[in-house]
Amino acid sequence: MLNNFFTENLGTIIVSAVLIVAVGLIIARLIINKKKGKHACPYCPSASTCPACKGKDGGKSCCEKNEES
């Protein structure tokens, strides 16, 4: 019965596993970039000191604020 379940759902299991691995790799890359000091606001001239770009402001980054103006 359990063997039958796996054979009937093999495609779904494989696709799910690939998606889980892909999401895990993306999250790992984001963490690595954050530890290296790379920021999510690459066009901000003061991104290294900008609290919004570092996520400490809690609001929109200065890049997003500049796009609105």
C-alpha atoms as a PDB file:
ATOM      1  CA  MET A   1       0.000   0.000   0.000  1.00  0.00           C
ATOM      2  CA  LEU A   2       2.773   2.465   0.922  1.00  0.00           C
ATOM      3  CA  ASN A   3       4.824   1.411  -2.101  1.00  0.00           C
ATOM      4  CA  ASN A   4       1.795   2.044  -4.317  1.00  0.00           C
ATOM      5  CA  PHE A   5       1.472   5.568  -2.876  1.00  0.00           C
ATOM      6  CA  PHE A   6       5.067   6.419  -3.783  1.00  0.00           C
ATOM      7  CA  THR A   7       4.799   5.076  -7.318  1.00  0.00           C
ATOM      8  CA  GLU A   8       1.540   6.941  -7.953  1.00  0.00           C
ATOM      9  CA  ASN A   9       2.922  10.222  -6.622  1.00  0.00           C
ATOM     10  CA  LEU A  10       6.538  10.002  -7.764  1.00  0.00           C
ATOM     11  CA  GLY A  11       6.296  13.042 -10.041  1.00  0.00           C
ATOM     12  CA  THR A  12       4.825  15.198  -7.304  1.00  0.00           C
ATOM     13  CA  ILE A  13       7.434  14.024  -4.815  1.00  0.00           C
ATOM     14  CA  ILE A  14      10.303  14.821  -7.205  1.00  0.00           C
ATOM     15  CA  VAL A  15       8.964  18.272  -8.120  1.00  0.00           C
ATOM     16  CA  SER A  16       8.347  19.081  -4.448  1.00  0.00           C
ATOM     17  CA  ALA A  17      11.870  17.995  -3.520  1.00  0.00           C
ATOM     18  CA  VAL A  18      13.390  20.145  -6.287  1.00  0.00           C
ATOM     19  CA  LEU A  19      11.354  23.176  -5.151  1.00  0.00           C
ATOM     20  CA  ILE A  20      12.355  22.666  -1.521  1.00  0.00           C
ATOM     21  CA  VAL A  21      16.031  22.479  -2.500  1.00  0.00           C
ATOM     22  CA  ALA A  22      15.723  25.592  -4.692  1.00  0.00           C
ATOM     23  CA  VAL A  23      14.080  27.618  -1.925  1.00  0.00           C
ATOM     24  CA  GLY A  24      16.696  26.403   0.552  1.00  0.00           C
ATOM     25  CA  LEU A  25      19.518  27.483  -1.750  1.00  0.00           C
ATOM     26  CA  ILE A  26      17.939  30.908  -2.268  1.00  0.00           C
ATOM     27  CA  ILE A  27      17.566  31.426   1.475  1.00  0.00           C
ATOM     28  CA  ALA A  28      21.133  30.255   2.090  1.00  0.00           C
ATOM     29  CA  ARG A  29      22.425  32.681  -0.544  1.00  0.00           C
ATOM     30  CA  LEU A  30      20.512  35.563   1.048  1.00  0.00           C
ATOM     31  CA  ILE A  31      21.993  34.731   4.444  1.00  0.00           C
ATOM     32  CA  ILE A  32      25.517  34.480   3.014  1.00  0.00           C
ATOM     33  CA  ASN A  33      25.127  37.831   1.227  1.00  0.00           C
ATOM     34  CA  LYS A  34      23.854  39.463   4.400  1.00  0.00           C
ATOM     35  CA  LYS A  35      26.816  38.145   6.401  1.00  0.00           C
ATOM     36  CA  LYS A  36      29.201  39.458   3.734  1.00  0.00           C
ATOM     37  CA  GLY A  37      27.630  42.891   4.074  1.00  0.00           C
ATOM     38  CA  LYS A  38      25.938  42.953   0.706  1.00  0.00           C
ATOM     39  CA  HIS A  39      22.751  44.926   0.931  1.00  0.00           C
ATOM     40  CA  ALA A  40      19.394  44.721  -0.752  1.00  0.00           C
ATOM     41  CA  CYS A  41      19.569  48.313  -1.947  1.00  0.00           C
ATOM     42  CA  PRO A  42      22.472  48.346  -4.439  1.00  0.00           C
ATOM     43  CA  TYR A  43      21.641  51.707  -6.044  1.00  0.00           C
ATOM     44  CA  CYS A  44      21.564  53.678  -2.809  1.00  0.00           C
ATOM     45  CA  PRO A  45      24.705  55.816  -2.541  1.00  0.00           C
ATOM     46  CA  SER A  46      24.671  55.550   1.245  1.00  0.00           C
ATOM     47  CA  ALA A  47      23.450  51.961   1.568  1.00  0.00           C
ATOM     48  CA  SER A  48      26.201  50.973   3.982  1.00  0.00           C
ATOM     49  CA  THR A  49      25.044  53.577   6.507  1.00  0.00           C
ATOM     50  CA  CYS A  50      21.373  53.946   5.574  1.00  0.00           C
ATOM     51  CA  PRO A  51      19.150  52.437   8.321  1.00  0.00           C
ATOM     52  CA  ALA A  52      16.350  51.886   5.806  1.00  0.00           C
ATOM     53  CA  CYS A  53      18.580  49.853   3.488  1.00  0.00           C
ATOM     54  CA  LYS A  54      19.829  47.801   6.421  1.00  0.00           C
ATOM     55  CA  GLY A  55      16.234  47.043   7.415  1.00  0.00           C
ATOM     56  CA  LYS A  56      16.497  48.852  10.752  1.00  0.00           C
ATOM     57  CA  ASP A  57      14.113  51.606   9.729  1.00  0.00           C
ATOM     58  CA  GLY A  58      11.194  49.215   9.336  1.00  0.00           C
ATOM     59  CA  GLY A  59       9.875  51.297   6.488  1.00  0.00           C
ATOM     60  CA  LYS A  60      10.716  51.647   2.852  1.00  0.00           C
ATOM     61  CA  SER A  61      14.352  51.807   1.826  1.00  0.00           C
ATOM     62  CA  CYS A  62      15.682  55.115   0.573  1.00  0.00           C
ATOM     63  CA  CYS A  63      15.769  53.633  -2.953  1.00  0.00           C
ATOM     64  CA  GLU A  64      12.034  53.018  -2.776  1.00  0.00           C
ATOM     65  CA  LYS A  65      11.503  56.515  -1.327  1.00  0.00           C
ATOM     66  CA  ASN A  66      13.531  58.058  -4.174  1.00  0.00           C
ATOM     67  CA  GLU A  67      11.502  56.170  -6.803  1.00  0.00           C
ATOM     68  CA  GLU A  68       8.269  57.621  -5.428  1.00  0.00           C
ATOM     69  CA  SER A  69       9.491  61.225  -5.640  1.00  0.00           C
END
